[in-house]
Amino acid sequence: MLKTLHLKISAKSYRASYMDEKEKVYGLFNDSFPPVLDGVTLTVENYVRWLTSLGLKTCVVTPWNPVEPEHADFDLYRYFSLSIASRKPYRYGYPKLDPFIWRKLRSVPFALVHSHCPFSSGRLALYAARKHDVPLVATFHSKYRTDLEHSLPTWMVKKIMGRVMDFFNAADEVWIPQARVEDTVREYGYKGRLTVVENGIDLEMDTFDDILRIKMLSREKFGIKSDEMSLLFVGQHIREKGVLTIIRAMDLLRDIPVRMTFIGIGYAVEEMNSLIRQLGLSDRIKLLGIVHDRDVLKEHYAAADLFLFPSFYDNAPLVVREAAMMGTPSVLLKGATASEVIVDGENGFLADNTPASYAQMVRKLYADKDSLLHAARGASSTLTRSWKDVMDEVYERYKIIIERHGRK
């Protein structure tokens, strides 16, 4: 009798526990979300999309923006923010001035929280994790010190970086998007264990023969002539990403038919336009702003012969992998963190951080289409991984982290 009663109680408890698990929420925290577009935002968008497709409840916690993105499949919790004048369209969140966000986080039944930024949203993630006694995963996406040095005095950068490292030290796990990012994390003073969890590609992947066909059709759509070389940059238009280096390299390429397209926005747009006019390159360089339609962006990637990315700033840029997926190899900087995945001449190219070096690489490849095609094929086969594949791994890691946390 007692045994039967015990089994009934256990079954009931199991069902209740199972139902509780089904109601648990996976929280994703980041200081930017659409309409702000960058690599980290795109990462968070894909985490939400694929976790939701796995039948998991998710929410995104991010600073308020005048434009509210669609969020039919997940909950969106936004908190008080102000525009950052030097980094439009980014906004800085002030959770201390928003009592409602703290109340909301106390009521959400989190299973795990994952922060993609150590600043205002990171503080909220840490609060939620401690309040609900759930694990906190923190991904180290950016070179935060470089971001801060752009607009703050040295003493303030040092103080804020101390808080940034306190945040990462408080996390249950710290993830990095590729192995070489460890150099930056260690330089900042983090001594804990790091886990490499790659990012994926959200654009539909094709066979290489299909890619070549799409490249031809895309070039026709954008009016690129058969003898023209099409160059592309996608990302924030900021000096740290080498956008002025690209423009000055174009000034050295007047003797061959090349055109350059920039996609994105950032604080350096006016400076870029001024330099383009000063050098008389308006007929060769176009700034398109943000391309919201992912299918159109895919066509721009396909139409390009080379993706130029002279940045020491980035850790593991998604745009390089997106370009690779469309058979467009990148020219990155020798010694840059982002260049870890590049084997020079095999799946991309490496250059020095000068306009002359970039111009020399473009001129060399304009005359050597076989090398360009070889690297295009290599980039497509070695630098692409679907978000579905990545998120299957992420979810398995989440389950292990939650189980380990429950045994503490």
Protein backbone atom coordinates (compact mmCIF):
# COMPACT_ATOMS: atom_id res chain seq x y z
CA MET A 1 0.00 0.00 0.00
CA LEU A 2 2.71 2.42 1.00
CA LYS A 3 4.74 1.45 -2.07
CA THR A 4 1.74 2.05 -4.36
CA LEU A 5 1.04 5.42 -2.76
CA HIS A 6 4.69 6.39 -3.11
CA LEU A 7 4.65 5.50 -6.81
CA LYS A 8 1.51 7.56 -7.35
CA ILE A 9 3.01 10.53 -5.57
CA SER A 10 6.25 10.14 -7.55
CA ALA A 11 4.37 9.99 -10.84
CA LYS A 12 2.38 13.07 -9.90
CA SER A 13 5.56 14.89 -8.87
CA TYR A 14 7.23 13.86 -12.12
CA ARG A 15 4.31 15.21 -14.18
CA ALA A 16 4.37 18.46 -12.21
CA SER A 17 8.13 18.71 -12.63
CA TYR A 18 7.83 18.00 -16.36
CA MET A 19 5.14 20.66 -16.73
CA ASP A 20 7.32 23.09 -14.79
CA GLU A 21 10.19 22.39 -17.18
CA LYS A 22 7.95 23.04 -20.18
CA GLU A 23 7.12 26.43 -18.71
CA LYS A 24 10.73 27.36 -18.08
CA VAL A 25 12.14 30.26 -20.08
CA TYR A 26 15.54 30.64 -21.75
CA GLY A 27 16.53 34.28 -21.39
CA LEU A 28 18.73 36.03 -23.96
CA PHE A 29 20.19 39.37 -22.91
CA ASN A 30 21.91 41.87 -25.20
CA ASP A 31 22.40 45.63 -25.43
CA SER A 32 21.17 45.69 -29.04
CA PHE A 33 18.33 44.12 -30.95
CA PRO A 34 16.52 45.04 -34.17
CA PRO A 35 16.13 47.61 -35.59
CA VAL A 36 19.83 47.89 -34.59
CA LEU A 37 21.72 45.46 -36.83
CA ASP A 38 25.16 44.00 -36.19
CA GLY A 39 26.76 40.59 -35.82
CA VAL A 40 25.84 40.12 -32.16
CA THR A 41 22.24 41.19 -32.79
CA LEU A 42 22.06 38.66 -35.63
CA THR A 43 23.43 36.00 -33.29
CA VAL A 44 20.76 36.72 -30.68
CA GLU A 45 18.05 36.71 -33.36
CA ASN A 46 19.13 33.25 -34.47
CA TYR A 47 19.35 31.95 -30.91
CA VAL A 48 15.73 33.04 -30.41
CA ARG A 49 14.61 31.59 -33.72
CA TRP A 50 16.16 28.17 -33.28
CA LEU A 51 15.46 27.75 -29.57
CA THR A 52 11.84 28.55 -30.31
CA SER A 53 11.83 26.02 -33.17
CA LEU A 54 12.97 23.40 -30.63
CA GLY A 55 9.79 24.09 -28.66
CA LEU A 56 11.50 26.10 -25.91
CA LYS A 57 10.09 29.24 -24.37
CA THR A 58 12.42 32.19 -24.89
CA CYS A 59 12.59 35.86 -24.10
CA VAL A 60 14.89 38.69 -25.12
CA VAL A 61 15.89 41.44 -22.69
CA THR A 62 17.27 44.56 -24.39
CA PRO A 63 17.19 48.39 -24.18
CA TRP A 64 14.07 50.16 -25.41
CA ASN A 65 14.06 51.43 -29.00
CA PRO A 66 11.42 53.62 -30.71
CA VAL A 67 10.93 50.84 -33.28
CA GLU A 68 9.55 47.61 -31.81
CA PRO A 69 10.50 44.47 -33.75
CA GLU A 70 8.08 41.61 -34.33
CA HIS A 71 8.15 39.09 -31.51
CA ALA A 72 5.13 36.83 -31.95
CA ASP A 73 7.07 33.67 -31.01
CA PHE A 74 8.94 35.00 -27.99
CA ASP A 75 8.62 37.58 -25.22
CA LEU A 76 10.44 40.88 -25.58
CA TYR A 77 11.28 42.83 -22.41
CA ARG A 78 12.75 46.28 -22.97
CA TYR A 79 14.00 48.81 -20.45
CA PHE A 80 14.71 52.54 -20.32
CA SER A 81 17.44 53.73 -22.70
CA LEU A 82 18.92 56.81 -24.33
CA SER A 83 20.56 57.22 -27.71
CA ILE A 84 24.38 57.10 -27.86
CA ALA A 85 25.27 60.25 -29.82
CA SER A 86 28.67 58.96 -30.97
CA ARG A 87 27.41 55.51 -31.96
CA LYS A 88 24.00 55.94 -33.56
CA PRO A 89 21.75 53.94 -33.91
CA TYR A 90 22.93 52.25 -30.71
CA ARG A 91 21.27 53.01 -27.39
CA TYR A 92 22.53 52.68 -23.83
CA GLY A 93 20.21 51.07 -21.35
CA TYR A 94 19.65 52.46 -17.85
CA PRO A 95 17.96 49.65 -15.90
CA LYS A 96 18.43 51.50 -12.60
CA LEU A 97 15.93 54.07 -13.88
CA ASP A 98 13.37 51.43 -14.84
CA PRO A 99 11.69 49.67 -11.87
CA PHE A 100 9.42 47.68 -14.18
CA ILE A 101 12.21 45.59 -15.73
CA TRP A 102 13.39 44.34 -12.32
CA ARG A 103 9.83 43.39 -11.38
CA LYS A 104 9.37 41.57 -14.67
CA LEU A 105 12.61 39.61 -14.29
CA ARG A 106 11.55 38.48 -10.81
CA SER A 107 8.40 36.95 -12.28
CA VAL A 108 9.90 35.07 -15.26
CA PRO A 109 10.54 31.34 -14.54
CA PHE A 110 14.02 31.14 -16.05
CA ALA A 111 15.72 27.85 -16.80
CA LEU A 112 18.96 29.57 -17.83
CA VAL A 113 20.06 33.05 -18.83
CA HIS A 114 22.54 33.76 -21.59
CA SER A 115 24.10 37.20 -21.83
CA HIS A 116 25.69 38.39 -25.07
CA CYS A 117 26.88 41.70 -23.62
CA PRO A 118 28.52 42.59 -20.26
CA PHE A 119 27.02 46.08 -19.91
CA SER A 120 23.46 47.04 -18.91
CA SER A 121 21.79 43.86 -20.19
CA GLY A 122 24.59 41.82 -18.62
CA ARG A 123 23.85 43.31 -15.21
CA LEU A 124 20.21 42.33 -15.63
CA ALA A 125 21.21 38.82 -16.69
CA LEU A 126 23.35 38.41 -13.59
CA TYR A 127 20.48 39.67 -11.41
CA ALA A 128 18.03 37.21 -13.00
CA ALA A 129 20.45 34.30 -12.64
CA ARG A 130 21.08 34.98 -8.96
CA LYS A 131 17.43 35.75 -8.17
CA HIS A 132 16.22 32.46 -9.67
CA ASP A 133 19.33 30.42 -8.86
CA VAL A 134 19.85 29.41 -12.49
CA PRO A 135 23.07 29.28 -14.52
CA LEU A 136 24.45 32.30 -16.34
CA VAL A 137 26.23 31.78 -19.67
CA ALA A 138 28.16 34.78 -21.02
CA THR A 139 29.53 35.01 -24.55
CA PHE A 140 32.55 37.25 -25.14
CA HIS A 141 31.74 38.73 -28.54
CA SER A 142 33.64 42.02 -28.85
CA LYS A 143 36.80 43.89 -28.00
CA TYR A 144 35.07 45.92 -25.32
CA ARG A 145 38.10 47.98 -24.36
CA THR A 146 38.40 49.27 -27.92
CA ASP A 147 34.72 50.24 -27.89
CA LEU A 148 35.18 52.20 -24.66
CA GLU A 149 38.42 53.89 -25.71
CA HIS A 150 36.59 55.40 -28.69
CA SER A 151 34.64 57.82 -26.50
CA LEU A 152 35.85 57.69 -22.87
CA PRO A 153 38.94 58.90 -20.95
CA THR A 154 41.52 56.33 -19.86
CA TRP A 155 40.61 56.38 -16.16
CA MET A 156 36.97 55.66 -16.95
CA VAL A 157 37.87 52.87 -19.40
CA LYS A 158 39.93 51.19 -16.69
CA LYS A 159 37.07 51.42 -14.19
CA ILE A 160 34.45 50.07 -16.58
CA MET A 161 36.71 47.25 -17.75
CA GLY A 162 37.06 46.20 -14.12
CA ARG A 163 33.28 45.83 -13.98
CA VAL A 164 33.26 43.97 -17.29
CA MET A 165 35.70 41.38 -15.99
CA ASP A 166 33.77 41.10 -12.71
CA PHE A 167 30.75 40.19 -14.83
CA PHE A 168 32.56 37.46 -16.76
CA ASN A 169 34.09 36.10 -13.56
CA ALA A 170 30.56 35.79 -12.12
CA ALA A 171 29.30 33.68 -15.04
CA ASP A 172 28.92 29.91 -14.77
CA GLU A 173 30.39 29.51 -18.26
CA VAL A 174 32.12 31.91 -20.64
CA TRP A 175 31.86 31.16 -24.35
CA ILE A 176 33.95 32.54 -27.19
CA PRO A 177 33.05 32.30 -30.90
CA GLN A 178 36.46 31.05 -32.03
CA ALA A 179 39.66 29.88 -30.35
CA ARG A 180 41.82 32.92 -31.04
CA VAL A 181 39.45 35.16 -29.08
CA GLU A 182 41.06 33.61 -26.00
CA ASP A 183 44.05 35.90 -26.57
CA THR A 184 41.87 38.97 -26.04
CA VAL A 185 40.02 37.51 -23.05
CA ARG A 186 43.27 36.59 -21.32
CA GLU A 187 44.74 40.01 -22.13
CA TYR A 188 41.78 41.54 -20.32
CA GLY A 189 42.60 39.42 -17.25
CA TYR A 190 40.08 36.57 -17.35
CA LYS A 191 41.62 33.39 -15.89
CA GLY A 192 38.65 31.00 -15.94
CA ARG A 193 37.71 28.21 -18.33
CA LEU A 194 36.61 29.14 -21.84
CA THR A 195 34.39 27.17 -24.23
CA VAL A 196 34.46 27.69 -28.00
CA VAL A 197 30.93 27.79 -29.42
CA GLU A 198 30.90 28.95 -33.02
CA ASN A 199 28.33 31.15 -34.71
CA GLY A 200 26.38 29.98 -37.73
CA ILE A 201 24.98 31.23 -41.01
CA ASP A 202 21.31 32.14 -41.28
CA LEU A 203 21.29 32.44 -45.07
CA GLU A 204 20.29 29.38 -47.06
CA MET A 205 23.33 27.41 -48.16
CA ASP A 206 23.68 26.04 -51.72
CA THR A 207 26.00 23.72 -53.62
CA PHE A 208 28.97 25.49 -55.15
CA ASP A 209 27.56 25.07 -58.66
CA ASP A 210 24.35 26.74 -57.47
CA ILE A 211 26.41 29.49 -55.89
CA LEU A 212 28.21 30.18 -59.17
CA ARG A 213 24.85 30.43 -60.91
CA ILE A 214 23.52 32.83 -58.25
CA LYS A 215 26.70 34.90 -58.53
CA MET A 216 26.20 35.30 -62.27
CA LEU A 217 22.52 36.28 -61.88
CA SER A 218 23.32 38.71 -59.05
CA ARG A 219 26.03 40.43 -61.08
CA GLU A 220 23.54 40.88 -63.93
CA LYS A 221 20.94 42.29 -61.52
CA PHE A 222 23.34 44.92 -60.17
CA GLY A 223 24.75 45.78 -63.61
CA ILE A 224 28.27 44.55 -62.98
CA LYS A 225 30.13 44.09 -66.25
CA SER A 226 32.01 40.88 -67.06
CA ASP A 227 35.40 42.63 -66.88
CA GLU A 228 34.61 44.48 -63.65
CA MET A 229 35.73 43.37 -60.20
CA SER A 230 33.12 43.86 -57.50
CA LEU A 231 34.29 44.51 -53.92
CA LEU A 232 32.08 44.50 -50.83
CA PHE A 233 32.06 45.50 -47.17
CA VAL A 234 29.16 44.75 -44.79
CA GLY A 235 29.21 45.97 -41.20
CA GLN A 236 29.36 48.98 -38.94
CA HIS A 237 30.79 52.02 -40.71
CA ILE A 238 33.35 52.86 -38.04
CA ARG A 239 37.05 53.62 -38.32
CA GLU A 240 37.96 50.56 -36.25
CA LYS A 241 36.76 48.31 -39.08
CA GLY A 242 39.14 49.83 -41.62
CA VAL A 243 36.55 51.51 -43.85
CA LEU A 244 38.88 54.44 -44.61
CA THR A 245 41.66 51.98 -45.54
CA ILE A 246 39.33 50.49 -48.15
CA ILE A 247 38.51 53.89 -49.65
CA ARG A 248 42.18 54.84 -49.85
CA ALA A 249 42.95 51.47 -51.46
CA MET A 250 40.32 52.23 -54.11
CA ASP A 251 42.21 55.46 -54.86
CA LEU A 252 45.19 53.27 -55.83
CA LEU A 253 43.13 51.08 -58.17
CA ARG A 254 42.11 53.60 -60.82
CA ASP A 255 43.93 51.64 -63.52
CA ILE A 256 41.63 48.59 -63.32
CA PRO A 257 37.80 48.37 -63.47
CA VAL A 258 36.76 47.84 -59.84
CA ARG A 259 33.70 48.99 -57.93
CA MET A 260 33.21 49.06 -54.16
CA THR A 261 29.95 48.69 -52.23
CA PHE A 262 29.51 49.45 -48.53
CA ILE A 263 26.45 48.12 -46.67
CA GLY A 264 25.68 49.31 -43.15
CA ILE A 265 25.71 52.48 -41.09
CA GLY A 266 27.88 54.00 -38.37
CA TYR A 267 29.45 57.15 -37.01
CA ALA A 268 32.08 57.33 -39.79
CA VAL A 269 29.61 57.65 -42.70
CA GLU A 270 30.06 61.40 -43.09
CA GLU A 271 33.84 61.05 -42.96
CA MET A 272 33.67 58.29 -45.57
CA ASN A 273 31.49 60.35 -47.90
CA SER A 274 33.80 63.33 -47.49
CA LEU A 275 36.88 61.25 -48.37
CA ILE A 276 35.11 59.71 -51.37
CA ARG A 277 34.25 63.17 -52.72
CA GLN A 278 37.74 64.48 -51.96
CA LEU A 279 39.34 61.63 -53.93
CA GLY A 280 36.82 61.83 -56.77
CA LEU A 281 35.63 58.24 -56.30
CA SER A 282 31.86 58.76 -56.25
CA ASP A 283 31.46 56.85 -59.51
CA ARG A 284 33.31 53.81 -58.09
CA ILE A 285 32.16 53.64 -54.46
CA LYS A 286 28.56 53.35 -53.26
CA LEU A 287 27.27 53.50 -49.68
CA LEU A 288 23.91 51.70 -49.59
CA GLY A 289 23.07 51.99 -45.90
CA ILE A 290 21.38 49.03 -44.22
CA VAL A 291 19.95 46.26 -46.40
CA HIS A 292 17.17 44.74 -44.28
CA ASP A 293 16.07 42.08 -46.76
CA ARG A 294 18.27 39.05 -46.19
CA ASP A 295 17.63 37.72 -49.70
CA VAL A 296 18.83 40.99 -51.23
CA LEU A 297 21.86 40.96 -48.93
CA LYS A 298 22.58 37.44 -50.13
CA GLU A 299 22.60 38.75 -53.72
CA HIS A 300 25.10 41.46 -52.77
CA TYR A 301 27.38 38.85 -51.20
CA ALA A 302 27.04 36.72 -54.34
CA ALA A 303 27.72 39.59 -56.75
CA ALA A 304 31.03 40.40 -55.06
CA ASP A 305 34.37 38.92 -56.13
CA LEU A 306 36.05 39.84 -52.84
CA PHE A 307 34.90 40.82 -49.37
CA LEU A 308 37.23 43.43 -47.84
CA PHE A 309 37.52 43.43 -44.05
CA PRO A 310 40.66 45.23 -42.78
CA SER A 311 39.70 45.07 -39.08
CA PHE A 312 41.72 44.32 -35.96
CA TYR A 313 38.58 45.21 -33.99
CA ASP A 314 36.48 42.11 -34.69
CA ASN A 315 36.75 38.73 -33.01
CA ALA A 316 34.75 36.34 -35.20
CA PRO A 317 32.78 38.37 -37.75
CA LEU A 318 29.69 36.64 -39.11
CA VAL A 319 29.92 38.69 -42.30
CA VAL A 320 33.08 36.86 -43.36
CA ARG A 321 31.24 33.54 -43.10
CA GLU A 322 28.15 34.92 -44.85
CA ALA A 323 30.32 36.10 -47.74
CA ALA A 324 32.05 32.71 -47.82
CA MET A 325 28.70 30.96 -48.02
CA MET A 326 28.06 32.83 -51.28
CA GLY A 327 31.47 31.92 -52.69
CA THR A 328 33.07 35.28 -51.92
CA PRO A 329 36.44 35.01 -50.15
CA SER A 330 37.62 37.74 -47.80
CA VAL A 331 40.79 39.77 -47.55
CA LEU A 332 41.60 40.08 -43.85
CA LEU A 333 44.53 41.50 -41.91
CA LYS A 334 47.59 39.47 -41.03
CA GLY A 335 47.60 38.87 -37.28
CA ALA A 336 43.97 39.88 -36.74
CA THR A 337 41.84 37.73 -34.43
CA ALA A 338 39.30 37.35 -37.23
CA SER A 339 41.93 35.91 -39.57
CA GLU A 340 42.41 32.76 -37.48
CA VAL A 341 40.06 30.83 -39.77
CA ILE A 342 41.83 31.96 -42.98
CA VAL A 343 44.49 29.90 -44.77
CA ASP A 344 46.01 32.44 -47.14
CA GLY A 345 45.15 31.55 -50.73
CA GLU A 346 43.04 28.53 -49.75
CA ASN A 347 39.85 30.01 -48.29
CA GLY A 348 40.68 33.72 -48.23
CA PHE A 349 43.57 36.13 -48.34
CA LEU A 350 45.72 38.08 -45.87
CA ALA A 351 47.12 41.57 -46.31
CA ASP A 352 48.95 44.18 -44.27
CA ASN A 353 47.02 47.01 -42.66
CA THR A 354 47.75 49.58 -45.38
CA PRO A 355 45.80 50.83 -48.40
CA ALA A 356 48.76 49.86 -50.61
CA SER A 357 48.70 46.23 -49.41
CA TYR A 358 44.96 45.93 -49.96
CA ALA A 359 45.22 47.52 -53.39
CA GLN A 360 48.05 45.17 -54.30
CA MET A 361 45.98 42.13 -53.29
CA VAL A 362 42.98 43.28 -55.33
CA ARG A 363 45.14 43.99 -58.38
CA LYS A 364 46.84 40.59 -58.06
CA LEU A 365 43.55 38.70 -57.90
CA TYR A 366 42.02 40.72 -60.72
CA ALA A 367 44.77 39.26 -62.90
CA ASP A 368 44.55 35.75 -61.41
CA LYS A 369 40.94 34.55 -61.59
CA ASP A 370 41.96 30.92 -61.01
CA SER A 371 43.36 31.75 -57.55
CA LEU A 372 40.22 33.72 -56.78
CA LEU A 373 37.97 30.81 -57.76
CA HIS A 374 40.08 28.36 -55.76
CA ALA A 375 39.74 30.49 -52.61
CA ALA A 376 36.03 31.00 -53.27
CA ARG A 377 35.46 27.26 -53.33
CA GLY A 378 37.59 26.82 -50.20
CA ALA A 379 35.74 29.57 -48.33
CA SER A 380 32.37 28.06 -49.19
CA SER A 381 33.38 24.61 -47.97
CA THR A 382 35.36 25.48 -44.81
CA LEU A 383 33.83 28.63 -43.30
CA THR A 384 30.13 27.81 -43.34
CA ARG A 385 28.06 26.12 -40.64
CA SER A 386 24.30 26.36 -40.38
CA TRP A 387 22.63 27.95 -37.37
CA LYS A 388 20.53 24.81 -37.00
CA ASP A 389 23.67 22.75 -36.47
CA VAL A 390 25.11 25.34 -34.07
CA MET A 391 21.90 25.57 -32.04
CA ASP A 392 21.59 21.81 -31.68
CA GLU A 393 25.01 21.98 -30.00
CA VAL A 394 24.00 25.03 -27.93
CA TYR A 395 20.89 23.32 -26.58
CA GLU A 396 22.84 20.21 -25.61
CA ARG A 397 25.34 22.44 -23.79
CA TYR A 398 22.48 24.28 -22.06
CA LYS A 399 21.08 20.99 -20.75
CA ILE A 400 24.46 19.93 -19.36
CA ILE A 401 24.99 23.33 -17.70
CA ILE A 402 21.53 23.26 -16.11
CA GLU A 403 22.03 19.72 -14.83
CA ARG A 404 25.46 20.59 -13.42
CA HIS A 405 24.07 23.71 -11.73
CA GLY A 406 21.29 21.63 -10.16
CA ARG A 407 23.86 19.35 -8.48
CA LYS A 408 25.57 22.24 -6.66
